Amino acid sequence: MHLSGFSMTTAHVHLFTDGACSGNPGPGGWAYILRHLRSGNEKQDSGGLAETTNNQMELTAVIEGLKTLNRPCRVLLFTDSKYVGNGISEWMPKWKANGWTRRAGKKTAPIKNLGLWKDLDNLVSTHIVEFSWVAGHSGHEENEQCDTMAVDAYQRFLH
């Protein structure tokens, strides 16, 4: 979340994300809506995996959305995942300082979903990312749309 390379002309975008799973683990889906504030242009996408976890899909939704940005941006991330939000704002800096490990009592333990967190870290370091938590299934229009897209994405894996 560094500021070098940013100017007053840096694009401002909103990124809405959600992940969903049928079982945990089980078939899962992710989705995002990316909105450029000045132009109003939007991009959305979704996908899924046959065997995954909800947290992996929440992370993947953010990663896939950020990957579409082709230059540094100010990103306001809307997510219903406190796991993702707290991870970006609080946990990730500590994990990195501790060699990508976390405290587990008096010992250290590996980070769950480490590959996804490292991918997210690389993307976050390119942009200024702030997150805003939204309550899931609370009527937030874009969150509901992302949820529908994520559920639709995993439906093809159900028997």
N, C-alpha and C. Protein backbone atom coordinates (compact mmCIF):
# COMPACT_ATOMS: atom_id res chain seq x y z
N MET A 1 0.83 -1.19 0.00
CA MET A 1 0.00 0.00 0.00
C MET A 1 0.87 1.24 0.00
N HIS A 2 1.90 1.22 -0.81
CA HIS A 2 2.82 2.34 -0.89
C HIS A 2 2.27 3.39 -1.85
N LEU A 3 2.83 4.58 -1.78
CA LEU A 3 2.31 5.69 -2.57
C LEU A 3 3.18 6.04 -3.77
N SER A 4 4.39 5.49 -3.89
CA SER A 4 5.24 5.87 -5.01
C SER A 4 4.58 5.44 -6.31
N GLY A 5 4.73 6.28 -7.33
CA GLY A 5 4.15 5.97 -8.62
C GLY A 5 2.70 6.40 -8.76
N PHE A 6 2.16 7.06 -7.74
CA PHE A 6 0.77 7.48 -7.81
C PHE A 6 0.70 8.99 -7.98
N SER A 7 -0.28 9.42 -8.71
CA SER A 7 -0.46 10.85 -8.93
C SER A 7 -1.94 11.16 -8.80
N MET A 8 -2.25 12.42 -8.94
CA MET A 8 -3.65 12.83 -8.85
C MET A 8 -4.48 12.23 -9.99
N THR A 9 -3.80 11.77 -11.06
CA THR A 9 -4.53 11.20 -12.19
C THR A 9 -4.69 9.68 -12.06
N THR A 10 -4.21 9.11 -10.96
CA THR A 10 -4.36 7.68 -10.76
C THR A 10 -5.84 7.31 -10.77
N ALA A 11 -6.15 6.26 -11.50
CA ALA A 11 -7.54 5.83 -11.62
C ALA A 11 -8.07 5.35 -10.28
N HIS A 12 -9.30 5.69 -10.02
CA HIS A 12 -10.01 5.22 -8.83
C HIS A 12 -11.02 4.18 -9.29
N VAL A 13 -10.97 3.02 -8.65
CA VAL A 13 -11.89 1.94 -9.00
C VAL A 13 -12.51 1.36 -7.74
N HIS A 14 -13.68 0.80 -7.91
CA HIS A 14 -14.32 0.01 -6.86
C HIS A 14 -14.29 -1.44 -7.32
N LEU A 15 -13.91 -2.32 -6.41
CA LEU A 15 -13.86 -3.74 -6.69
C LEU A 15 -14.77 -4.45 -5.69
N PHE A 16 -15.81 -5.08 -6.21
CA PHE A 16 -16.77 -5.83 -5.41
C PHE A 16 -16.46 -7.31 -5.63
N THR A 17 -16.36 -8.09 -4.56
CA THR A 17 -15.98 -9.50 -4.71
C THR A 17 -16.81 -10.39 -3.80
N ASP A 18 -16.87 -11.66 -4.19
CA ASP A 18 -17.47 -12.66 -3.31
C ASP A 18 -16.99 -14.04 -3.74
N GLY A 19 -16.94 -14.92 -2.78
CA GLY A 19 -16.65 -16.32 -3.01
C GLY A 19 -17.76 -17.14 -2.37
N ALA A 20 -17.97 -18.35 -2.89
CA ALA A 20 -19.02 -19.21 -2.36
C ALA A 20 -18.59 -20.66 -2.51
N CYS A 21 -19.07 -21.48 -1.61
CA CYS A 21 -18.76 -22.91 -1.64
C CYS A 21 -20.00 -23.71 -1.30
N SER A 22 -20.12 -24.87 -1.93
CA SER A 22 -21.16 -25.83 -1.57
C SER A 22 -20.46 -26.93 -0.78
N GLY A 23 -20.47 -26.78 0.54
CA GLY A 23 -19.62 -27.59 1.40
C GLY A 23 -18.31 -26.82 1.58
N ASN A 24 -17.57 -27.15 2.58
CA ASN A 24 -16.33 -26.41 2.82
C ASN A 24 -15.31 -27.36 3.44
N PRO A 25 -14.55 -28.09 2.62
CA PRO A 25 -14.36 -27.90 1.17
C PRO A 25 -15.47 -28.53 0.34
N GLY A 26 -15.47 -28.11 -0.90
CA GLY A 26 -16.44 -28.60 -1.87
C GLY A 26 -16.33 -27.78 -3.13
N PRO A 27 -17.28 -27.92 -4.05
CA PRO A 27 -17.27 -27.09 -5.24
C PRO A 27 -17.42 -25.62 -4.83
N GLY A 28 -16.63 -24.77 -5.49
CA GLY A 28 -16.67 -23.35 -5.12
C GLY A 28 -16.61 -22.44 -6.31
N GLY A 29 -17.05 -21.21 -6.08
CA GLY A 29 -17.03 -20.20 -7.13
C GLY A 29 -16.59 -18.86 -6.58
N TRP A 30 -16.09 -18.02 -7.48
CA TRP A 30 -15.67 -16.67 -7.14
C TRP A 30 -16.25 -15.72 -8.19
N ALA A 31 -16.36 -14.45 -7.82
CA ALA A 31 -16.86 -13.46 -8.76
C ALA A 31 -16.41 -12.07 -8.34
N TYR A 32 -16.30 -11.20 -9.33
CA TYR A 32 -16.00 -9.79 -9.03
C TYR A 32 -16.71 -8.89 -10.03
N ILE A 33 -16.91 -7.67 -9.59
CA ILE A 33 -17.35 -6.56 -10.43
C ILE A 33 -16.34 -5.45 -10.19
N LEU A 34 -15.75 -4.96 -11.25
CA LEU A 34 -14.77 -3.88 -11.17
C LEU A 34 -15.35 -2.66 -11.87
N ARG A 35 -15.43 -1.55 -11.14
CA ARG A 35 -16.05 -0.34 -11.69
C ARG A 35 -15.04 0.81 -11.67
N HIS A 36 -14.79 1.40 -12.85
CA HIS A 36 -13.96 2.59 -12.96
C HIS A 36 -14.86 3.78 -12.65
N LEU A 37 -14.49 4.55 -11.61
CA LEU A 37 -15.41 5.58 -11.13
C LEU A 37 -15.61 6.72 -12.12
N ARG A 38 -14.55 7.18 -12.75
CA ARG A 38 -14.70 8.34 -13.63
C ARG A 38 -15.53 8.01 -14.87
N SER A 39 -15.25 6.87 -15.50
CA SER A 39 -15.96 6.53 -16.74
C SER A 39 -17.25 5.76 -16.50
N GLY A 40 -17.35 5.09 -15.36
CA GLY A 40 -18.51 4.24 -15.10
C GLY A 40 -18.41 2.88 -15.76
N ASN A 41 -17.32 2.64 -16.49
CA ASN A 41 -17.14 1.34 -17.14
C ASN A 41 -17.02 0.24 -16.10
N GLU A 42 -17.56 -0.92 -16.43
CA GLU A 42 -17.51 -2.07 -15.53
C GLU A 42 -16.99 -3.29 -16.26
N LYS A 43 -16.33 -4.12 -15.49
CA LYS A 43 -15.92 -5.44 -15.96
C LYS A 43 -16.33 -6.40 -14.86
N GLN A 44 -16.81 -7.56 -15.24
CA GLN A 44 -17.14 -8.58 -14.26
C GLN A 44 -16.72 -9.93 -14.79
N ASP A 45 -16.42 -10.83 -13.86
CA ASP A 45 -16.01 -12.17 -14.24
C ASP A 45 -16.27 -13.10 -13.06
N SER A 46 -16.27 -14.38 -13.37
CA SER A 46 -16.46 -15.39 -12.34
C SER A 46 -15.82 -16.69 -12.81
N GLY A 47 -15.63 -17.59 -11.87
CA GLY A 47 -15.07 -18.90 -12.19
C GLY A 47 -15.23 -19.80 -10.99
N GLY A 48 -14.75 -21.02 -11.11
CA GLY A 48 -14.91 -21.93 -10.00
C GLY A 48 -13.95 -23.10 -10.07
N LEU A 49 -13.98 -23.88 -9.01
CA LEU A 49 -13.18 -25.09 -8.90
C LEU A 49 -14.05 -26.21 -8.34
N ALA A 50 -13.71 -27.44 -8.70
CA ALA A 50 -14.48 -28.59 -8.25
C ALA A 50 -14.27 -28.87 -6.77
N GLU A 51 -13.09 -28.56 -6.24
CA GLU A 51 -12.78 -28.86 -4.84
C GLU A 51 -11.96 -27.70 -4.28
N THR A 52 -12.53 -26.95 -3.36
CA THR A 52 -11.88 -25.77 -2.82
C THR A 52 -12.53 -25.42 -1.49
N THR A 53 -12.13 -24.29 -0.92
CA THR A 53 -12.75 -23.79 0.31
C THR A 53 -13.32 -22.40 0.06
N ASN A 54 -14.20 -21.98 0.95
CA ASN A 54 -14.78 -20.65 0.82
C ASN A 54 -13.69 -19.58 0.89
N ASN A 55 -12.75 -19.71 1.83
CA ASN A 55 -11.69 -18.71 1.95
C ASN A 55 -10.85 -18.63 0.68
N GLN A 56 -10.57 -19.77 0.06
CA GLN A 56 -9.81 -19.75 -1.19
C GLN A 56 -10.57 -19.02 -2.28
N MET A 57 -11.87 -19.19 -2.32
CA MET A 57 -12.67 -18.51 -3.34
C MET A 57 -12.78 -17.02 -3.06
N GLU A 58 -12.86 -16.63 -1.78
CA GLU A 58 -12.87 -15.21 -1.42
C GLU A 58 -11.57 -14.55 -1.88
N LEU A 59 -10.44 -15.20 -1.61
CA LEU A 59 -9.14 -14.67 -2.03
C LEU A 59 -9.02 -14.61 -3.55
N THR A 60 -9.46 -15.67 -4.21
CA THR A 60 -9.37 -15.73 -5.66
C THR A 60 -10.18 -14.62 -6.32
N ALA A 61 -11.33 -14.30 -5.78
CA ALA A 61 -12.15 -13.23 -6.35
C ALA A 61 -11.39 -11.90 -6.36
N VAL A 62 -10.72 -11.60 -5.25
CA VAL A 62 -9.95 -10.35 -5.17
C VAL A 62 -8.76 -10.39 -6.13
N ILE A 63 -8.05 -11.51 -6.13
CA ILE A 63 -6.89 -11.66 -7.00
C ILE A 63 -7.29 -11.48 -8.46
N GLU A 64 -8.34 -12.17 -8.87
CA GLU A 64 -8.76 -12.08 -10.28
C GLU A 64 -9.19 -10.66 -10.64
N GLY A 65 -9.88 -9.98 -9.74
CA GLY A 65 -10.26 -8.60 -10.01
C GLY A 65 -9.07 -7.67 -10.14
N LEU A 66 -8.12 -7.78 -9.22
CA LEU A 66 -6.93 -6.92 -9.26
C LEU A 66 -6.06 -7.22 -10.47
N LYS A 67 -6.03 -8.48 -10.92
CA LYS A 67 -5.21 -8.85 -12.07
C LYS A 67 -5.65 -8.15 -13.35
N THR A 68 -6.89 -7.70 -13.42
CA THR A 68 -7.37 -7.05 -14.64
C THR A 68 -6.89 -5.61 -14.76
N LEU A 69 -6.39 -5.03 -13.67
CA LEU A 69 -5.93 -3.64 -13.71
C LEU A 69 -4.58 -3.57 -14.43
N ASN A 70 -4.48 -2.67 -15.42
CA ASN A 70 -3.25 -2.62 -16.21
C ASN A 70 -2.33 -1.46 -15.83
N ARG A 71 -2.69 -0.75 -14.77
CA ARG A 71 -1.79 0.30 -14.24
C ARG A 71 -2.14 0.50 -12.77
N PRO A 72 -1.25 1.14 -12.01
CA PRO A 72 -1.54 1.36 -10.58
C PRO A 72 -2.83 2.16 -10.40
N CYS A 73 -3.64 1.72 -9.46
CA CYS A 73 -4.93 2.35 -9.20
C CYS A 73 -5.16 2.49 -7.70
N ARG A 74 -6.06 3.40 -7.36
CA ARG A 74 -6.62 3.45 -6.02
C ARG A 74 -7.85 2.55 -6.05
N VAL A 75 -7.84 1.53 -5.21
CA VAL A 75 -8.88 0.51 -5.23
C VAL A 75 -9.60 0.52 -3.89
N LEU A 76 -10.92 0.67 -3.95
CA LEU A 76 -11.73 0.45 -2.77
C LEU A 76 -12.38 -0.91 -2.96
N LEU A 77 -11.96 -1.86 -2.12
CA LEU A 77 -12.41 -3.24 -2.19
C LEU A 77 -13.60 -3.43 -1.26
N PHE A 78 -14.70 -3.89 -1.82
CA PHE A 78 -15.89 -4.21 -1.03
C PHE A 78 -15.97 -5.73 -0.93
N THR A 79 -15.91 -6.25 0.29
CA THR A 79 -15.96 -7.69 0.50
C THR A 79 -16.77 -8.01 1.74
N ASP A 80 -17.43 -9.17 1.71
CA ASP A 80 -18.11 -9.62 2.91
C ASP A 80 -17.25 -10.60 3.70
N SER A 81 -15.98 -10.71 3.30
CA SER A 81 -15.04 -11.62 3.95
C SER A 81 -14.11 -10.87 4.89
N LYS A 82 -14.35 -11.02 6.18
CA LYS A 82 -13.43 -10.42 7.15
C LYS A 82 -12.06 -11.09 7.05
N TYR A 83 -12.02 -12.36 6.64
CA TYR A 83 -10.77 -13.07 6.42
C TYR A 83 -9.89 -12.31 5.42
N VAL A 84 -10.47 -11.91 4.30
CA VAL A 84 -9.72 -11.17 3.28
C VAL A 84 -9.38 -9.77 3.78
N GLY A 85 -10.36 -9.06 4.31
CA GLY A 85 -10.14 -7.69 4.75
C GLY A 85 -9.11 -7.59 5.86
N ASN A 86 -9.25 -8.41 6.89
CA ASN A 86 -8.28 -8.40 7.99
C ASN A 86 -6.92 -8.90 7.51
N GLY A 87 -6.94 -9.86 6.60
CA GLY A 87 -5.68 -10.36 6.07
C GLY A 87 -4.88 -9.28 5.38
N ILE A 88 -5.54 -8.49 4.54
CA ILE A 88 -4.86 -7.42 3.82
C ILE A 88 -4.40 -6.32 4.78
N SER A 89 -5.29 -5.89 5.66
CA SER A 89 -5.00 -4.70 6.47
C SER A 89 -4.20 -4.98 7.74
N GLU A 90 -4.32 -6.18 8.31
CA GLU A 90 -3.68 -6.44 9.59
C GLU A 90 -2.70 -7.61 9.56
N TRP A 91 -3.12 -8.75 9.04
CA TRP A 91 -2.33 -9.97 9.19
C TRP A 91 -1.15 -10.04 8.23
N MET A 92 -1.36 -9.68 6.96
CA MET A 92 -0.32 -9.85 5.96
C MET A 92 0.97 -9.13 6.30
N PRO A 93 0.93 -7.88 6.77
CA PRO A 93 2.21 -7.24 7.13
C PRO A 93 2.96 -8.01 8.23
N LYS A 94 2.24 -8.55 9.19
CA LYS A 94 2.87 -9.32 10.26
C LYS A 94 3.42 -10.64 9.73
N TRP A 95 2.65 -11.31 8.88
CA TRP A 95 3.12 -12.57 8.30
C TRP A 95 4.40 -12.35 7.52
N LYS A 96 4.43 -11.29 6.71
CA LYS A 96 5.61 -11.02 5.91
C LYS A 96 6.82 -10.74 6.80
N ALA A 97 6.61 -9.96 7.86
CA ALA A 97 7.71 -9.64 8.79
C ALA A 97 8.23 -10.89 9.48
N ASN A 98 7.36 -11.91 9.61
CA ASN A 98 7.74 -13.16 10.27
C ASN A 98 8.02 -14.27 9.27
N GLY A 99 8.44 -13.91 8.06
CA GLY A 99 8.77 -14.92 7.06
C GLY A 99 7.58 -15.74 6.60
N TRP A 100 6.44 -15.10 6.48
CA TRP A 100 5.20 -15.73 6.04
C TRP A 100 4.80 -16.88 6.98
N THR A 101 4.93 -16.64 8.27
CA THR A 101 4.44 -17.58 9.27
C THR A 101 3.51 -16.81 10.21
N ARG A 102 2.75 -17.58 10.98
CA ARG A 102 1.85 -16.96 11.96
C ARG A 102 2.10 -17.60 13.31
N ARG A 103 1.67 -16.92 14.34
CA ARG A 103 1.79 -17.46 15.69
C ARG A 103 0.71 -18.52 15.92
N ALA A 104 1.14 -19.61 16.53
CA ALA A 104 0.21 -20.66 16.93
C ALA A 104 0.60 -21.04 18.34
N GLY A 105 0.04 -20.33 19.31
CA GLY A 105 0.47 -20.50 20.69
C GLY A 105 1.86 -19.91 20.85
N LYS A 106 2.79 -20.70 21.35
CA LYS A 106 4.17 -20.21 21.53
C LYS A 106 5.05 -20.54 20.34
N LYS A 107 4.47 -21.19 19.32
CA LYS A 107 5.22 -21.59 18.14
C LYS A 107 4.75 -20.79 16.93
N THR A 108 5.40 -21.03 15.81
CA THR A 108 4.93 -20.46 14.56
C THR A 108 4.38 -21.59 13.70
N ALA A 109 3.49 -21.24 12.82
CA ALA A 109 2.86 -22.20 11.93
C ALA A 109 2.78 -21.59 10.53
N PRO A 110 2.69 -22.45 9.53
CA PRO A 110 2.56 -21.92 8.17
C PRO A 110 1.21 -21.22 7.98
N ILE A 111 1.19 -20.30 7.05
CA ILE A 111 -0.03 -19.58 6.70
C ILE A 111 -0.89 -20.49 5.82
N LYS A 112 -2.16 -20.59 6.14
CA LYS A 112 -3.07 -21.32 5.26
C LYS A 112 -3.27 -20.50 3.99
N ASN A 113 -3.36 -21.18 2.87
CA ASN A 113 -3.57 -20.53 1.57
C ASN A 113 -2.42 -19.61 1.20
N LEU A 114 -1.20 -20.01 1.56
CA LEU A 114 -0.02 -19.16 1.40
C LEU A 114 0.16 -18.69 -0.05
N GLY A 115 0.01 -19.58 -1.01
CA GLY A 115 0.19 -19.18 -2.40
C GLY A 115 -0.76 -18.07 -2.81
N LEU A 116 -2.01 -18.18 -2.39
CA LEU A 116 -2.98 -17.14 -2.72
C LEU A 116 -2.64 -15.83 -2.02
N TRP A 117 -2.22 -15.91 -0.75
CA TRP A 117 -1.85 -14.69 -0.02
C TRP A 117 -0.64 -14.02 -0.68
N LYS A 118 0.33 -14.79 -1.14
CA LYS A 118 1.49 -14.19 -1.82
C LYS A 118 1.08 -13.55 -3.14
N ASP A 119 0.20 -14.22 -3.88
CA ASP A 119 -0.32 -13.61 -5.12
C ASP A 119 -1.02 -12.30 -4.81
N LEU A 120 -1.85 -12.29 -3.77
CA LEU A 120 -2.57 -11.08 -3.39
C LEU A 120 -1.59 -9.99 -2.94
N ASP A 121 -0.57 -10.36 -2.19
CA ASP A 121 0.43 -9.40 -1.75
C ASP A 121 1.10 -8.72 -2.93
N ASN A 122 1.47 -9.49 -3.95
CA ASN A 122 2.10 -8.90 -5.14
C ASN A 122 1.18 -7.90 -5.82
N LEU A 123 -0.09 -8.23 -5.90
CA LEU A 123 -1.04 -7.32 -6.54
C LEU A 123 -1.32 -6.09 -5.69
N VAL A 124 -1.48 -6.28 -4.40
CA VAL A 124 -1.76 -5.16 -3.50
C VAL A 124 -0.59 -4.17 -3.49
N SER A 125 0.62 -4.66 -3.64
CA SER A 125 1.78 -3.77 -3.62
C SER A 125 1.84 -2.87 -4.85
N THR A 126 1.09 -3.18 -5.87
CA THR A 126 1.04 -2.39 -7.09
C THR A 126 0.03 -1.25 -6.99
N HIS A 127 -0.92 -1.37 -6.10
CA HIS A 127 -2.03 -0.44 -6.00
C HIS A 127 -2.15 0.10 -4.58
N ILE A 128 -2.97 1.13 -4.42
CA ILE A 128 -3.39 1.56 -3.09
C ILE A 128 -4.75 0.90 -2.87
N VAL A 129 -4.78 -0.05 -1.94
CA VAL A 129 -6.00 -0.83 -1.71
C VAL A 129 -6.51 -0.58 -0.30
N GLU A 130 -7.74 -0.16 -0.21
CA GLU A 130 -8.44 -0.06 1.06
C GLU A 130 -9.64 -0.99 0.97
N PHE A 131 -10.05 -1.52 2.11
CA PHE A 131 -11.20 -2.39 2.03
C PHE A 131 -12.33 -1.87 2.88
N SER A 132 -13.52 -2.21 2.43
CA SER A 132 -14.74 -1.87 3.14
C SER A 132 -15.54 -3.16 3.30
N TRP A 133 -15.81 -3.53 4.53
CA TRP A 133 -16.56 -4.74 4.78
C TRP A 133 -18.04 -4.47 4.61
N VAL A 134 -18.71 -5.37 3.91
CA VAL A 134 -20.16 -5.30 3.77
C VAL A 134 -20.74 -6.61 4.31
N ALA A 135 -21.84 -6.53 4.97
CA ALA A 135 -22.49 -7.74 5.49
C ALA A 135 -23.03 -8.55 4.32
N GLY A 136 -22.69 -9.83 4.29
CA GLY A 136 -23.20 -10.69 3.23
C GLY A 136 -24.70 -10.88 3.35
N HIS A 137 -25.36 -11.02 2.21
CA HIS A 137 -26.80 -11.29 2.15
C HIS A 137 -27.61 -10.22 2.89
N SER A 138 -27.14 -8.97 2.76
CA SER A 138 -27.81 -7.88 3.46
C SER A 138 -28.48 -6.91 2.49
N GLY A 139 -28.52 -7.27 1.22
CA GLY A 139 -29.15 -6.40 0.24
C GLY A 139 -28.20 -5.45 -0.47
N HIS A 140 -26.89 -5.54 -0.19
CA HIS A 140 -25.91 -4.72 -0.90
C HIS A 140 -25.90 -5.20 -2.36
N GLU A 141 -26.30 -4.33 -3.28
CA GLU A 141 -26.58 -4.73 -4.66
C GLU A 141 -25.43 -5.48 -5.32
N GLU A 142 -24.23 -4.92 -5.29
CA GLU A 142 -23.10 -5.56 -5.98
C GLU A 142 -22.66 -6.83 -5.27
N ASN A 143 -22.73 -6.84 -3.93
CA ASN A 143 -22.38 -8.05 -3.20
C ASN A 143 -23.35 -9.18 -3.54
N GLU A 144 -24.61 -8.86 -3.62
CA GLU A 144 -25.61 -9.86 -3.98
C GLU A 144 -25.37 -10.38 -5.40
N GLN A 145 -25.02 -9.47 -6.31
CA GLN A 145 -24.76 -9.87 -7.69
C GLN A 145 -23.53 -10.78 -7.75
N CYS A 146 -22.48 -10.43 -7.02
CA CYS A 146 -21.28 -11.27 -6.98
C CYS A 146 -21.59 -12.63 -6.37
N ASP A 147 -22.41 -12.66 -5.34
CA ASP A 147 -22.79 -13.93 -4.72
C ASP A 147 -23.52 -14.81 -5.73
N THR A 148 -24.45 -14.24 -6.46
CA THR A 148 -25.19 -14.99 -7.47
C THR A 148 -24.25 -15.54 -8.53
N MET A 149 -23.31 -14.71 -8.99
CA MET A 149 -22.35 -15.14 -10.01
C MET A 149 -21.45 -16.25 -9.49
N ALA A 150 -21.00 -16.14 -8.21
CA ALA A 150 -20.12 -17.16 -7.63
C ALA A 150 -20.86 -18.48 -7.46
N VAL A 151 -22.11 -18.42 -7.02
CA VAL A 151 -22.90 -19.65 -6.87
C VAL A 151 -23.13 -20.27 -8.24
N ASP A 152 -23.48 -19.46 -9.23
CA ASP A 152 -23.67 -19.97 -10.59
C ASP A 152 -22.40 -20.66 -11.09
N ALA A 153 -21.23 -20.10 -10.73
CA ALA A 153 -19.95 -20.65 -11.21
C ALA A 153 -19.67 -22.04 -10.66
N TYR A 154 -20.12 -22.32 -9.43
CA TYR A 154 -19.85 -23.67 -8.91
C TYR A 154 -20.95 -24.67 -9.23
N GLN A 155 -22.08 -24.20 -9.69
CA GLN A 155 -23.19 -25.10 -9.99
C GLN A 155 -22.80 -26.20 -10.98
N ARG A 156 -21.93 -25.87 -11.93
CA ARG A 156 -21.56 -26.87 -12.95
C ARG A 156 -20.78 -28.04 -12.36
N PHE A 157 -20.24 -27.88 -11.13
CA PHE A 157 -19.47 -28.95 -10.51
C PHE A 157 -20.34 -29.87 -9.65
N LEU A 158 -21.59 -29.49 -9.45
CA LEU A 158 -22.49 -30.31 -8.64
C LEU A 158 -23.04 -31.46 -9.47
N HIS A 159 -23.25 -32.57 -8.86
CA HIS A 159 -23.74 -33.76 -9.59
C HIS A 159 -25.23 -33.83 -9.55
